[in-house]
Amino acid sequence: MAFAAALVYLPALHPVFGTAALSPGEVLLVAPFPFPVWGADELLRVRLRRRTG
């Protein structure tokens, strides 16, 4: 995660990797998305544990 953050937020790396810093509005837009992904993964794990347990 630190490497990804460096790619996005260190200005010296922007021309090398073609990245740009996210605006605060963009960060707020994408910030909630990891939670449904995490929840779906946990539900899958519960389902697999019940099936094999």
N, C-alpha and C. Protein backbone atom coordinates (compact mmCIF):
# COMPACT_ATOMS: atom_id res chain seq x y z
N MET A 1 0.83 -1.19 0.00
CA MET A 1 0.00 0.00 0.00
C MET A 1 0.87 1.25 0.00
N ALA A 2 1.99 1.18 0.69
CA ALA A 2 2.88 2.34 0.72
C ALA A 2 3.42 2.64 -0.67
N PHE A 3 3.75 1.59 -1.43
CA PHE A 3 4.26 1.79 -2.78
C PHE A 3 3.19 2.43 -3.67
N ALA A 4 1.96 1.94 -3.56
CA ALA A 4 0.86 2.50 -4.35
C ALA A 4 0.64 3.97 -3.98
N ALA A 5 0.68 4.27 -2.70
CA ALA A 5 0.51 5.66 -2.26
C ALA A 5 1.65 6.54 -2.79
N ALA A 6 2.86 6.00 -2.78
CA ALA A 6 4.00 6.76 -3.31
C ALA A 6 3.81 7.04 -4.80
N LEU A 7 3.32 6.06 -5.55
CA LEU A 7 3.09 6.27 -6.98
C LEU A 7 2.09 7.39 -7.22
N VAL A 8 1.10 7.48 -6.37
CA VAL A 8 0.04 8.46 -6.57
C VAL A 8 0.41 9.83 -6.01
N TYR A 9 1.09 9.86 -4.87
CA TYR A 9 1.26 11.14 -4.17
C TYR A 9 2.65 11.75 -4.21
N LEU A 10 3.66 11.06 -4.70
CA LEU A 10 4.99 11.67 -4.82
C LEU A 10 5.13 12.30 -6.20
N PRO A 11 5.21 13.62 -6.25
CA PRO A 11 5.26 14.30 -7.55
C PRO A 11 6.42 13.85 -8.45
N ALA A 12 7.53 13.44 -7.89
CA ALA A 12 8.67 12.99 -8.70
C ALA A 12 8.34 11.73 -9.49
N LEU A 13 7.40 10.93 -9.01
CA LEU A 13 7.04 9.69 -9.69
C LEU A 13 5.92 9.86 -10.71
N HIS A 14 5.24 10.99 -10.70
CA HIS A 14 4.13 11.21 -11.62
C HIS A 14 4.52 11.06 -13.09
N PRO A 15 5.59 11.72 -13.55
CA PRO A 15 5.93 11.56 -14.97
C PRO A 15 6.43 10.15 -15.32
N VAL A 16 7.04 9.49 -14.36
CA VAL A 16 7.58 8.15 -14.61
C VAL A 16 6.45 7.14 -14.82
N PHE A 17 5.44 7.20 -13.98
CA PHE A 17 4.36 6.22 -14.02
C PHE A 17 3.05 6.77 -14.60
N GLY A 18 3.03 8.04 -14.95
CA GLY A 18 1.82 8.64 -15.53
C GLY A 18 0.67 8.71 -14.55
N THR A 19 0.96 9.04 -13.31
CA THR A 19 -0.07 9.13 -12.28
C THR A 19 -0.31 10.58 -11.88
N ALA A 20 -1.34 10.80 -11.10
CA ALA A 20 -1.66 12.11 -10.54
C ALA A 20 -2.33 11.89 -9.19
N ALA A 21 -2.16 12.83 -8.31
CA ALA A 21 -2.75 12.72 -6.98
C ALA A 21 -4.26 12.83 -7.08
N LEU A 22 -4.95 12.10 -6.21
CA LEU A 22 -6.40 12.16 -6.14
C LEU A 22 -6.82 13.40 -5.37
N SER A 23 -7.91 14.00 -5.81
CA SER A 23 -8.46 15.13 -5.07
C SER A 23 -9.20 14.59 -3.84
N PRO A 24 -9.43 15.42 -2.84
CA PRO A 24 -10.18 14.95 -1.66
C PRO A 24 -11.55 14.38 -2.02
N GLY A 25 -12.22 14.97 -3.01
CA GLY A 25 -13.51 14.46 -3.44
C GLY A 25 -13.41 13.07 -4.04
N GLU A 26 -12.35 12.83 -4.80
CA GLU A 26 -12.14 11.50 -5.39
C GLU A 26 -11.83 10.46 -4.32
N VAL A 27 -11.05 10.87 -3.32
CA VAL A 27 -10.75 9.95 -2.22
C VAL A 27 -12.03 9.59 -1.48
N LEU A 28 -12.89 10.57 -1.22
CA LEU A 28 -14.16 10.30 -0.54
C LEU A 28 -15.06 9.41 -1.38
N LEU A 29 -14.97 9.54 -2.69
CA LEU A 29 -15.79 8.73 -3.58
C LEU A 29 -15.39 7.26 -3.53
N VAL A 30 -14.09 6.98 -3.52
CA VAL A 30 -13.62 5.59 -3.58
C VAL A 30 -13.39 4.96 -2.21
N ALA A 31 -13.33 5.74 -1.15
CA ALA A 31 -13.03 5.22 0.19
C ALA A 31 -13.98 4.13 0.67
N PRO A 32 -15.28 4.18 0.40
CA PRO A 32 -16.18 3.14 0.92
C PRO A 32 -16.08 1.79 0.20
N PHE A 33 -15.52 1.74 -0.99
CA PHE A 33 -15.55 0.52 -1.78
C PHE A 33 -14.82 -0.68 -1.19
N PRO A 34 -13.74 -0.53 -0.44
CA PRO A 34 -13.12 -1.73 0.15
C PRO A 34 -14.02 -2.47 1.13
N PHE A 35 -14.96 -1.79 1.77
CA PHE A 35 -15.79 -2.43 2.78
C PHE A 35 -16.74 -3.48 2.21
N PRO A 36 -17.46 -3.21 1.11
CA PRO A 36 -18.29 -4.29 0.55
C PRO A 36 -17.45 -5.45 0.02
N VAL A 37 -16.27 -5.15 -0.52
CA VAL A 37 -15.40 -6.22 -1.01
C VAL A 37 -14.95 -7.09 0.17
N TRP A 38 -14.56 -6.46 1.27
CA TRP A 38 -14.15 -7.19 2.46
C TRP A 38 -15.31 -8.03 2.99
N GLY A 39 -16.49 -7.44 3.04
CA GLY A 39 -17.66 -8.16 3.54
C GLY A 39 -17.99 -9.36 2.67
N ALA A 40 -17.94 -9.20 1.36
CA ALA A 40 -18.22 -10.32 0.46
C ALA A 40 -17.19 -11.42 0.63
N ASP A 41 -15.94 -11.06 0.82
CA ASP A 41 -14.89 -12.05 1.05
C ASP A 41 -15.12 -12.81 2.35
N GLU A 42 -15.53 -12.10 3.38
CA GLU A 42 -15.80 -12.76 4.66
C GLU A 42 -17.00 -13.70 4.55
N LEU A 43 -18.03 -13.29 3.84
CA LEU A 43 -19.18 -14.18 3.63
C LEU A 43 -18.78 -15.43 2.87
N LEU A 44 -17.92 -15.29 1.88
CA LEU A 44 -17.43 -16.44 1.14
C LEU A 44 -16.65 -17.38 2.05
N ARG A 45 -15.81 -16.81 2.91
CA ARG A 45 -15.03 -17.64 3.84
C ARG A 45 -15.93 -18.40 4.81
N VAL A 46 -16.96 -17.74 5.32
CA VAL A 46 -17.91 -18.40 6.23
C VAL A 46 -18.59 -19.55 5.50
N ARG A 47 -19.01 -19.30 4.29
CA ARG A 47 -19.68 -20.34 3.50
C ARG A 47 -18.75 -21.53 3.26
N LEU A 48 -17.50 -21.26 2.93
CA LEU A 48 -16.55 -22.35 2.70
C LEU A 48 -16.25 -23.12 3.99
N ARG A 49 -16.17 -22.42 5.12
CA ARG A 49 -15.91 -23.09 6.39
C ARG A 49 -17.07 -24.01 6.77
N ARG A 50 -18.29 -23.56 6.54
CA ARG A 50 -19.47 -24.38 6.85
C ARG A 50 -19.52 -25.62 5.95
N ARG A 51 -19.10 -25.47 4.71
CA ARG A 51 -19.15 -26.57 3.77
C ARG A 51 -18.11 -27.64 4.10
N THR A 52 -16.90 -27.22 4.54
CA THR A 52 -15.82 -28.18 4.82
C THR A 52 -15.80 -28.60 6.28
N GLY A 53 -16.47 -27.86 7.15
CA GLY A 53 -16.42 -28.14 8.59
C GLY A 53 -17.41 -29.14 8.99
